[in-house]
Amino acid sequence: MKPLSVIILAAGSGTRMKSECPKVLHPICGRPMIGYALDLAASAGAKHPIVILGEAADQIAPHLPKDVKVVIQSKPLGTANAVLLAKRAAGSLSGDVLVLYADTPLLRRTTVQRLIESHNRANATCTLLTTHLADPAGYGRILREATGEVVGIAEEADATTSQRAIREINVGPICVKAQLLFEALATVHPSQAKKELYLTQAVNRLAKQPGTKFQVVRLEMAAEGLGVNSQQDLAKATAVVRQRILEGHLTNGVTIVDPQMTYIDHGVYIGHDTVIHPGTVIESGVSVGRRCAIGPFARLRRGVVLGDEVRVGNFVELVRTKVSTRVRINHVTYLGDTTVEEDVNIGAGTITANYDGTNKLPTTIGRGAFIGCDTVLVAPVKVGSGAVTGAGSVVPKGHDVAPRSVVVGVPAHLLERAKPAAKKQPVRKNPSRQKPVTRRPMNTARRIVKRAVRKAPKARRATHTARRRR
């Protein structure tokens, strides 16, 4: 297999973004835009990709992995000049060169693999990635002969009216034989429009050389070729990446009630049979166990790890917090830098006051603890296993709550030690031990009255009968 060197072009100024943040550092679903290009380089097998940076190098370089070789393009002289700088920095590049762009974050790994495989299979001099757009404004156009053979690329700034009508565009990434590329780059002259050296000029020179062979790989979906040059483009790219992330979780057995109202960043793990309700935001690096329920309107920030069967309800925010199995955090709660053990119930309105103005401090809640509504835990503090805090309690820092104790008040003070729940004894029925039922004797006066009432009608009936006989 031929050696493959990867060059990532990231020196663009990004003036159309109208932002102080370098274009390639703008986040897309929780990671800098350039991170997606680095993923593509890794999928191509590049161990030490070369990244070309411009005037914002001091801001971008700290975000790059250590195995990346950074080359500075001090003057914006174009993409051809950037590739030449990469060659000089590397000393020598043999085999093939894969050129990627840091502002094209939607390319899939499978697409780059197809590009490389097609290039190797055809033993091509240069392989281009193209697509067709209804509105190709801003992109270089693919020039072909009547036979369909590629003869060059026309940058929009230098294209003629007829060339601008072409809808097949150059997406950007190319795979090309290194030696022939650098020979062509040495003969490139600045363009008339921008006075820059374009990589496409070297491609055009290669296309005119006899014996060269060009190959084209078309994108399966045109959206993959979107170049991010404005905030509008960034919003479109973010929407596409977010949809891909959600589809991945759905495929893995996660229930997402309303995908349009759910925001999950890159690099999140969610176990199967977990339900994500609308309005939920889950940031990069979060891990959620199986059979959990998240939301609605919950926010899980970086450093959160949830065990299995955890309930995180509405308006709950967690950050740098580890939650064990069968924990309930149902309403309006903030936990930061907290460790929550198994079978804990966190009441509505609970807050960990984890910031003292300088440092973030830890809180630990033991197994089976019951945290009452509106409890404030001032870190650093520990709540023991089986302990209970009364509603509205404020537990000061350093005043740990002992296991199985009950604390209440502001500041929280010991009320009692929680007693283990008594086991109910089954009731045994034994006829021999049952007490005989005794009836209370009726009052004598009541008996006399009762008899009198009963005999009165008989006496009246007797008198009436005697009168009739007379």
Protein backbone atom coordinates (compact mmCIF):
# COMPACT_ATOMS: atom_id res chain seq x y z
CA MET A 1 0.00 0.00 0.00
CA LYS A 2 1.29 3.45 -0.93
CA PRO A 3 2.26 5.83 1.88
CA LEU A 4 -0.37 8.51 2.39
CA SER A 5 0.29 11.95 3.86
CA VAL A 6 -2.60 14.13 5.01
CA ILE A 7 -2.55 17.92 4.86
CA ILE A 8 -5.37 19.89 6.52
CA LEU A 9 -5.81 23.48 5.33
CA ALA A 10 -6.97 25.69 8.22
CA ALA A 11 -5.34 29.05 7.52
CA GLY A 12 -8.42 30.88 6.26
CA SER A 13 -9.25 34.13 8.02
CA GLY A 14 -13.02 33.55 8.08
CA THR A 15 -13.92 37.22 7.72
CA ARG A 16 -17.49 36.38 6.67
CA MET A 17 -18.10 34.79 10.07
CA LYS A 18 -17.81 38.28 11.60
CA SER A 19 -16.46 36.81 14.81
CA GLU A 20 -13.35 37.21 16.94
CA CYS A 21 -13.24 33.42 17.28
CA PRO A 22 -11.21 31.72 14.51
CA LYS A 23 -13.54 30.02 12.05
CA VAL A 24 -12.23 26.49 12.59
CA LEU A 25 -12.70 26.80 16.37
CA HIS A 26 -16.42 27.51 16.16
CA PRO A 27 -18.14 24.57 17.89
CA ILE A 28 -20.39 22.14 16.07
CA CYS A 29 -22.28 19.94 18.55
CA GLY A 30 -19.73 20.34 21.30
CA ARG A 31 -16.42 20.16 19.42
CA PRO A 32 -14.37 22.61 17.32
CA MET A 33 -15.01 22.46 13.60
CA ILE A 34 -11.41 21.41 12.91
CA GLY A 35 -11.95 18.29 15.03
CA TYR A 36 -14.05 16.74 12.26
CA ALA A 37 -11.20 17.14 9.76
CA LEU A 38 -8.81 15.53 12.24
CA ASP A 39 -11.21 12.57 12.50
CA LEU A 40 -11.11 12.18 8.72
CA ALA A 41 -7.32 12.24 8.77
CA ALA A 42 -7.28 9.51 11.42
CA SER A 43 -9.74 7.39 9.43
CA ALA A 44 -7.38 7.66 6.44
CA GLY A 45 -4.59 6.18 8.55
CA ALA A 46 -2.54 9.35 9.03
CA LYS A 47 -0.60 9.22 12.30
CA HIS A 48 0.97 12.67 11.95
CA PRO A 49 -1.26 14.93 9.84
CA ILE A 50 0.08 18.34 8.86
CA VAL A 51 -2.18 21.28 9.75
CA ILE A 52 -1.64 24.65 8.06
CA LEU A 53 -2.58 27.56 10.31
CA GLY A 54 -2.70 31.28 9.59
CA GLU A 55 -2.79 34.43 11.68
CA ALA A 56 -4.90 32.75 14.40
CA ALA A 57 -2.34 29.98 14.97
CA ASP A 58 -1.77 30.96 18.62
CA GLN A 59 -5.46 30.43 19.35
CA ILE A 60 -5.92 27.23 17.34
CA ALA A 61 -2.72 25.30 18.11
CA PRO A 62 -3.58 24.57 21.80
CA HIS A 63 -6.72 22.73 20.64
CA LEU A 64 -4.78 20.30 18.42
CA PRO A 65 -3.48 16.86 19.45
CA LYS A 66 0.22 16.48 20.16
CA ASP A 67 0.76 14.16 17.19
CA VAL A 68 -0.24 16.92 14.74
CA LYS A 69 2.50 18.82 12.93
CA VAL A 70 1.63 22.52 12.79
CA VAL A 71 2.86 24.71 9.94
CA ILE A 72 2.34 28.49 10.01
CA GLN A 73 1.38 30.40 6.87
CA SER A 74 2.31 33.91 7.96
CA LYS A 75 0.95 35.56 4.80
CA PRO A 76 -2.35 34.52 3.15
CA LEU A 77 -0.90 33.55 -0.22
CA GLY A 78 -3.43 30.85 -1.07
CA THR A 79 -3.94 27.11 -0.85
CA ALA A 80 -1.08 26.22 -3.22
CA ASN A 81 1.38 28.13 -1.07
CA ALA A 82 0.02 26.34 2.03
CA VAL A 83 0.66 22.90 0.50
CA LEU A 84 4.19 23.93 -0.49
CA LEU A 85 4.85 25.03 3.10
CA ALA A 86 3.69 21.61 4.29
CA LYS A 87 6.19 19.90 1.99
CA ARG A 88 9.05 22.08 3.21
CA ALA A 89 8.15 21.43 6.85
CA ALA A 90 7.90 17.67 6.32
CA GLY A 91 11.17 17.48 4.40
CA SER A 92 9.86 15.05 1.81
CA LEU A 93 6.45 13.59 1.06
CA SER A 94 6.25 10.42 -1.00
CA GLY A 95 3.42 8.29 -2.27
CA ASP A 96 0.06 10.07 -2.27
CA VAL A 97 -1.16 13.25 -0.60
CA LEU A 98 -4.69 13.69 0.73
CA VAL A 99 -5.63 17.36 1.08
CA LEU A 100 -8.55 18.13 3.43
CA TYR A 101 -10.21 21.40 4.43
CA ALA A 102 -10.93 22.26 8.07
CA ASP A 103 -14.08 24.19 7.12
CA THR A 104 -15.81 21.19 5.47
CA PRO A 105 -17.06 19.36 8.59
CA LEU A 106 -19.87 17.28 7.07
CA LEU A 107 -17.75 14.84 5.08
CA ARG A 108 -18.23 11.28 6.28
CA ARG A 109 -15.40 8.86 6.91
CA THR A 110 -16.90 6.50 4.36
CA THR A 111 -16.71 9.24 1.72
CA VAL A 112 -13.00 9.82 2.32
CA GLN A 113 -12.43 6.06 2.21
CA ARG A 114 -14.20 5.90 -1.16
CA LEU A 115 -11.99 8.73 -2.42
CA ILE A 116 -8.78 6.95 -1.41
CA GLU A 117 -9.91 3.51 -2.63
CA SER A 118 -11.05 4.88 -5.99
CA HIS A 119 -7.72 6.67 -6.39
CA ASN A 120 -5.72 3.52 -5.66
CA ARG A 121 -7.92 1.21 -7.70
CA ALA A 122 -7.62 3.35 -10.83
CA ASN A 123 -3.97 4.21 -10.17
CA ALA A 124 -5.03 7.79 -10.85
CA THR A 125 -2.80 10.84 -10.92
CA CYS A 126 -5.44 12.91 -9.13
CA THR A 127 -8.86 12.06 -7.72
CA LEU A 128 -11.38 14.84 -7.07
CA LEU A 129 -14.47 14.93 -4.88
CA THR A 130 -17.41 16.58 -6.64
CA THR A 131 -21.15 17.12 -6.33
CA HIS A 132 -23.95 18.96 -8.09
CA LEU A 133 -25.61 22.00 -6.54
CA ALA A 134 -28.67 23.95 -7.65
CA ASP A 135 -26.86 27.11 -6.55
CA PRO A 136 -23.10 26.60 -6.99
CA ALA A 137 -22.14 30.17 -6.08
CA GLY A 138 -18.85 30.37 -4.18
CA TYR A 139 -17.44 27.04 -5.38
CA GLY A 140 -14.97 26.09 -8.10
CA ARG A 141 -16.59 24.50 -11.18
CA ILE A 142 -15.50 21.19 -12.71
CA LEU A 143 -14.49 21.57 -16.36
CA ARG A 144 -14.99 18.58 -18.66
CA GLU A 145 -14.46 17.71 -22.28
CA ALA A 146 -17.38 16.61 -24.43
CA THR A 147 -16.29 13.04 -23.68
CA GLY A 148 -16.75 13.69 -19.96
CA GLU A 149 -13.05 13.70 -19.16
CA VAL A 150 -12.01 16.20 -16.47
CA VAL A 151 -9.74 18.92 -17.83
CA GLY A 152 -9.59 21.31 -14.89
CA ILE A 153 -11.26 23.40 -12.20
CA ALA A 154 -12.36 27.02 -12.60
CA GLU A 155 -12.38 29.10 -9.41
CA GLU A 156 -15.45 31.32 -9.30
CA ALA A 157 -13.42 34.52 -9.11
CA ASP A 158 -11.65 33.65 -12.37
CA ALA A 159 -14.49 31.78 -14.11
CA THR A 160 -16.19 32.97 -17.27
CA THR A 161 -19.94 33.46 -17.51
CA SER A 162 -20.42 30.10 -19.22
CA GLN A 163 -18.24 28.35 -16.63
CA ARG A 164 -20.25 29.86 -13.77
CA ALA A 165 -23.36 28.23 -15.22
CA ILE A 166 -21.84 24.79 -14.52
CA ARG A 167 -23.47 23.09 -11.51
CA GLU A 168 -20.85 20.41 -10.84
CA ILE A 169 -18.55 21.83 -8.18
CA ASN A 170 -15.24 20.94 -6.60
CA VAL A 171 -15.91 20.02 -2.97
CA GLY A 172 -12.24 20.57 -2.10
CA PRO A 173 -10.55 17.39 -0.86
CA ILE A 174 -8.24 15.71 -3.38
CA CYS A 175 -6.00 12.66 -3.42
CA VAL A 176 -2.98 13.12 -5.69
CA LYS A 177 0.44 11.67 -6.40
CA ALA A 178 2.85 13.65 -4.23
CA GLN A 179 5.76 14.02 -6.66
CA LEU A 180 3.62 15.20 -9.57
CA LEU A 181 1.69 17.59 -7.32
CA PHE A 182 4.79 19.37 -6.03
CA GLU A 183 6.26 19.60 -9.52
CA ALA A 184 3.08 21.31 -10.70
CA LEU A 185 2.97 23.60 -7.66
CA ALA A 186 6.42 24.92 -8.51
CA THR A 187 5.06 26.35 -11.79
CA VAL A 188 1.93 28.03 -10.39
CA HIS A 189 1.54 31.81 -10.67
CA PRO A 190 -0.73 34.13 -8.66
CA SER A 191 -4.32 34.41 -9.90
CA GLN A 192 -5.47 37.58 -11.60
CA ALA A 193 -8.41 38.21 -9.25
CA LYS A 194 -6.92 37.74 -5.75
CA LYS A 195 -3.20 37.45 -6.47
CA GLU A 196 -3.13 34.14 -4.60
CA LEU A 197 -1.70 30.73 -5.49
CA TYR A 198 -4.54 28.23 -5.82
CA LEU A 199 -4.19 24.49 -5.39
CA THR A 200 -6.64 24.13 -8.25
CA GLN A 201 -4.11 25.81 -10.55
CA ALA A 202 -1.72 22.92 -9.92
CA VAL A 203 -4.57 20.49 -10.61
CA ASN A 204 -5.24 22.23 -13.93
CA ARG A 205 -1.58 21.93 -14.92
CA LEU A 206 -1.63 18.23 -14.11
CA ALA A 207 -4.76 17.79 -16.22
CA LYS A 208 -2.96 19.23 -19.25
CA GLN A 209 0.06 16.97 -18.92
CA PRO A 210 0.07 13.95 -21.23
CA GLY A 211 -0.32 10.58 -19.58
CA THR A 212 -2.05 11.84 -16.44
CA LYS A 213 -5.26 10.20 -15.31
CA PHE A 214 -8.02 11.96 -13.42
CA GLN A 215 -10.68 10.24 -11.35
CA VAL A 216 -13.89 11.73 -9.91
CA VAL A 217 -15.84 10.56 -6.84
CA ARG A 218 -19.29 12.07 -6.47
CA LEU A 219 -20.90 12.70 -3.13
CA GLU A 220 -23.94 10.58 -2.37
CA MET A 221 -25.50 13.59 -0.61
CA ALA A 222 -24.65 17.13 -1.66
CA ALA A 223 -24.97 18.38 1.93
CA GLU A 224 -21.68 16.64 2.77
CA GLY A 225 -19.84 19.17 0.66
CA LEU A 226 -21.08 22.22 2.55
CA GLY A 227 -18.25 24.63 3.26
CA VAL A 228 -18.71 26.78 6.37
CA ASN A 229 -17.98 30.41 5.55
CA SER A 230 -20.72 32.25 7.47
CA GLN A 231 -22.88 31.95 10.55
CA GLN A 232 -25.69 30.73 8.31
CA ASP A 233 -23.47 27.92 7.01
CA LEU A 234 -22.48 27.08 10.59
CA ALA A 235 -26.13 26.75 11.61
CA LYS A 236 -26.83 24.43 8.66
CA ALA A 237 -23.80 22.26 9.44
CA THR A 238 -24.76 22.05 13.11
CA ALA A 239 -28.28 20.90 12.22
CA VAL A 240 -26.92 18.13 9.97
CA VAL A 241 -24.41 16.88 12.57
CA ARG A 242 -27.06 16.97 15.32
CA GLN A 243 -29.42 14.86 13.22
CA ARG A 244 -26.67 12.31 12.58
CA ILE A 245 -25.94 12.08 16.31
CA LEU A 246 -29.61 11.53 17.17
CA GLU A 247 -29.98 8.87 14.49
CA GLY A 248 -27.02 7.03 15.97
CA HIS A 249 -28.61 6.94 19.43
CA LEU A 250 -31.98 5.88 18.02
CA THR A 251 -30.26 3.02 16.20
CA ASN A 252 -28.68 1.93 19.50
CA GLY A 253 -32.04 1.53 21.26
CA VAL A 254 -32.49 4.95 22.87
CA THR A 255 -35.98 6.48 22.85
CA ILE A 256 -35.96 10.16 21.89
CA VAL A 257 -39.49 11.50 22.30
CA ASP A 258 -39.00 14.61 20.15
CA PRO A 259 -35.73 14.71 18.13
CA GLN A 260 -36.37 18.29 17.01
CA MET A 261 -36.39 19.41 20.65
CA THR A 262 -33.42 17.33 21.83
CA TYR A 263 -29.78 18.48 21.77
CA ILE A 264 -27.06 15.87 22.20
CA ASP A 265 -23.41 16.73 21.53
CA HIS A 266 -20.71 14.66 19.91
CA GLY A 267 -19.06 12.07 22.17
CA VAL A 268 -22.05 11.15 24.38
CA TYR A 269 -22.82 7.56 25.44
CA ILE A 270 -26.43 6.57 26.23
CA GLY A 271 -27.47 3.04 27.20
CA HIS A 272 -30.39 1.20 25.62
CA ASP A 273 -33.97 1.62 26.86
CA THR A 274 -33.22 5.10 28.14
CA VAL A 275 -35.88 7.72 27.37
CA ILE A 276 -34.90 11.29 26.47
CA HIS A 277 -37.74 13.80 26.82
CA PRO A 278 -38.05 17.11 24.93
CA GLY A 279 -35.89 20.10 25.80
CA THR A 280 -33.00 17.98 27.08
CA VAL A 281 -29.41 19.17 26.50
CA ILE A 282 -26.56 16.65 26.88
CA GLU A 283 -23.01 17.94 26.40
CA SER A 284 -19.90 16.14 25.17
CA GLY A 285 -18.32 13.56 27.46
CA VAL A 286 -21.52 12.60 29.31
CA SER A 287 -22.30 8.93 29.93
CA VAL A 288 -25.87 7.78 30.64
CA GLY A 289 -26.68 4.23 31.74
CA ARG A 290 -29.48 1.89 30.75
CA ARG A 291 -33.19 2.32 31.50
CA CYS A 292 -32.79 5.93 32.58
CA ALA A 293 -35.28 8.77 32.08
CA ILE A 294 -33.94 12.24 31.27
CA GLY A 295 -35.98 15.44 31.05
CA PRO A 296 -37.99 17.22 30.01
CA PHE A 297 -35.76 20.31 30.07
CA ALA A 298 -32.81 18.70 31.82
CA ARG A 299 -29.18 19.70 31.24
CA LEU A 300 -26.30 17.27 31.63
CA ARG A 301 -22.96 19.06 31.34
CA ARG A 302 -19.42 17.75 30.95
CA GLY A 303 -18.19 15.21 33.44
CA VAL A 304 -21.59 13.69 34.25
CA VAL A 305 -21.83 9.90 34.62
CA LEU A 306 -25.21 8.30 35.33
CA GLY A 307 -25.69 4.69 36.38
CA ASP A 308 -28.61 2.49 35.39
CA GLU A 309 -32.25 3.36 36.22
CA VAL A 310 -31.55 6.97 37.13
CA ARG A 311 -34.30 9.58 36.88
CA VAL A 312 -33.27 13.15 36.06
CA GLY A 313 -36.41 15.27 35.79
CA ASN A 314 -37.42 18.71 34.64
CA PHE A 315 -35.16 21.71 35.20
CA VAL A 316 -32.33 19.66 36.68
CA GLU A 317 -28.71 20.62 35.92
CA LEU A 318 -25.76 18.34 36.63
CA VAL A 319 -22.06 19.04 36.05
CA ARG A 320 -19.00 16.94 36.96
CA THR A 321 -21.30 14.65 38.93
CA LYS A 322 -21.34 10.88 39.30
CA VAL A 323 -24.74 9.34 40.03
CA SER A 324 -25.13 5.67 40.94
CA THR A 325 -28.05 3.36 40.19
CA ARG A 326 -31.71 3.94 41.13
CA VAL A 327 -31.28 7.59 42.08
CA ARG A 328 -34.18 10.03 41.72
CA ILE A 329 -33.52 13.71 40.96
CA ASN A 330 -36.93 14.72 39.75
CA HIS A 331 -37.33 18.49 39.98
CA VAL A 332 -35.49 21.84 39.88
CA THR A 333 -32.09 20.78 41.20
CA TYR A 334 -28.44 21.74 40.69
CA LEU A 335 -25.66 19.28 41.55
CA GLY A 336 -22.06 20.19 40.81
CA ASP A 337 -18.90 18.21 41.67
CA THR A 338 -21.10 15.70 43.48
CA THR A 339 -20.97 11.95 44.07
CA VAL A 340 -24.37 10.36 44.67
CA GLU A 341 -24.48 6.73 45.79
CA GLU A 342 -27.24 4.17 45.19
CA ASP A 343 -30.95 4.54 46.06
CA VAL A 344 -30.84 8.23 46.93
CA ASN A 345 -33.81 10.58 46.60
CA ILE A 346 -33.04 14.25 45.91
CA GLY A 347 -35.96 16.53 46.75
CA ALA A 348 -37.13 19.43 44.61
CA GLY A 349 -35.05 22.59 44.87
CA THR A 350 -31.89 20.93 46.21
CA ILE A 351 -28.66 22.82 45.48
CA THR A 352 -25.01 22.01 46.06
CA ALA A 353 -23.16 25.27 46.70
CA ASN A 354 -19.91 24.01 45.19
CA TYR A 355 -18.08 27.28 44.37
CA ASP A 356 -16.40 29.37 47.05
CA GLY A 357 -15.28 32.11 44.67
CA THR A 358 -11.98 30.40 43.88
CA ASN A 359 -12.39 26.63 43.80
CA LYS A 360 -15.02 24.05 42.91
CA LEU A 361 -15.55 21.85 45.97
CA PRO A 362 -16.98 18.32 46.29
CA THR A 363 -20.15 16.95 47.87
CA THR A 364 -20.85 13.30 48.68
CA ILE A 365 -24.32 11.85 49.32
CA GLY A 366 -24.31 8.35 50.81
CA ARG A 367 -26.36 5.34 49.89
CA GLY A 368 -30.09 5.51 50.63
CA ALA A 369 -30.00 9.12 51.85
CA PHE A 370 -33.13 11.26 51.60
CA ILE A 371 -32.51 14.92 50.77
CA GLY A 372 -35.53 17.07 51.60
CA CYS A 373 -36.93 19.81 49.39
CA ASP A 374 -34.97 23.08 49.16
CA THR A 375 -31.92 21.65 50.91
CA VAL A 376 -28.66 23.56 50.38
CA LEU A 377 -25.47 21.51 50.75
CA VAL A 378 -22.51 23.87 51.13
CA ALA A 379 -19.40 22.09 49.86
CA PRO A 380 -17.23 20.48 50.94
CA VAL A 381 -19.68 18.29 52.84
CA LYS A 382 -20.76 14.65 53.18
CA VAL A 383 -24.20 13.25 53.85
CA GLY A 384 -23.98 9.76 55.34
CA SER A 385 -25.81 6.64 54.22
CA GLY A 386 -29.49 6.60 55.17
CA ALA A 387 -29.38 10.18 56.49
CA VAL A 388 -32.30 12.59 56.11
CA THR A 389 -32.28 16.37 55.66
CA GLY A 390 -35.46 18.24 56.46
CA ALA A 391 -37.10 20.59 53.98
CA GLY A 392 -35.29 23.93 53.75
CA SER A 393 -32.19 22.73 55.60
CA VAL A 394 -28.83 24.41 55.01
CA VAL A 395 -25.93 22.07 55.74
CA PRO A 396 -22.78 24.22 56.25
CA LYS A 397 -19.44 23.23 54.78
CA GLY A 398 -17.48 20.79 56.87
CA HIS A 399 -20.53 19.85 58.97
CA ASP A 400 -20.94 16.31 57.70
CA VAL A 401 -24.26 14.58 58.32
CA ALA A 402 -23.78 11.28 60.16
CA PRO A 403 -25.24 8.07 58.73
CA ARG A 404 -28.94 7.46 59.58
CA SER A 405 -29.30 10.82 61.28
CA VAL A 406 -31.94 13.50 60.71
CA VAL A 407 -30.93 17.15 60.42
CA VAL A 408 -33.19 20.19 60.08
CA GLY A 409 -33.02 23.96 60.16
CA VAL A 410 -30.69 26.81 59.20
CA PRO A 411 -27.97 25.95 59.90
CA ALA A 412 -28.89 22.28 59.97
CA HIS A 413 -28.74 20.65 63.40
CA LEU A 414 -29.28 17.11 64.60
CA LEU A 415 -32.90 16.22 65.28
CA GLU A 416 -32.63 12.50 65.86
CA ARG A 417 -31.00 9.44 64.52
CA ALA A 418 -33.18 7.78 61.95
CA LYS A 419 -34.53 4.47 63.18
CA PRO A 420 -34.58 1.51 60.87
CA ALA A 421 -38.09 0.73 59.71
CA ALA A 422 -39.74 -1.89 61.97
CA LYS A 423 -40.83 -5.06 60.27
CA LYS A 424 -44.55 -5.76 60.45
CA GLN A 425 -45.32 -9.04 62.25
CA PRO A 426 -48.01 -11.19 60.65
CA VAL A 427 -51.22 -11.56 62.70
CA ARG A 428 -51.80 -15.17 63.78
CA LYS A 429 -55.36 -16.29 64.42
CA ASN A 430 -55.69 -18.83 67.30
CA PRO A 431 -59.30 -19.61 68.38
CA SER A 432 -58.20 -20.95 71.77
CA ARG A 433 -56.62 -17.62 72.70
CA GLN A 434 -59.48 -15.42 71.59
CA LYS A 435 -61.31 -13.63 74.39
CA PRO A 436 -65.01 -14.53 74.82
CA VAL A 437 -67.37 -11.85 73.66
CA THR A 438 -69.47 -10.50 76.58
CA ARG A 439 -72.60 -8.46 76.07
CA ARG A 440 -73.24 -5.52 78.30
CA PRO A 441 -76.52 -6.07 80.27
CA MET A 442 -79.36 -3.87 79.21
CA ASN A 443 -80.59 -1.30 81.69
CA THR A 444 -83.59 -2.61 83.75
CA ALA A 445 -85.61 0.56 83.32
CA ARG A 446 -85.22 0.29 79.55
CA ARG A 447 -86.49 -3.30 79.67
CA ILE A 448 -89.61 -2.25 81.69
CA VAL A 449 -90.39 0.57 79.29
CA LYS A 450 -89.92 -1.74 76.36
CA ARG A 451 -92.35 -4.29 77.81
CA ALA A 452 -94.92 -1.61 78.59
CA VAL A 453 -94.78 -0.32 75.07
CA ARG A 454 -95.20 -3.78 73.66
CA LYS A 455 -98.26 -4.67 75.92
CA ALA A 456 -100.13 -1.42 75.49
CA PRO A 457 -101.62 -2.25 72.10
CA LYS A 458 -102.87 -5.63 73.40
CA ALA A 459 -104.75 -3.97 76.30
CA ARG A 460 -106.40 -1.52 73.93
CA ARG A 461 -107.46 -4.32 71.64
CA ALA A 462 -109.03 -6.24 74.58
CA THR A 463 -111.10 -3.22 75.71
CA HIS A 464 -112.36 -2.65 72.18
CA THR A 465 -113.47 -6.27 71.86
CA ALA A 466 -115.37 -6.17 75.17
CA ARG A 467 -117.31 -3.09 74.07
CA ARG A 468 -118.39 -4.77 70.85
CA ARG A 469 -119.74 -7.79 72.79
CA ARG A 470 -121.90 -5.59 74.93
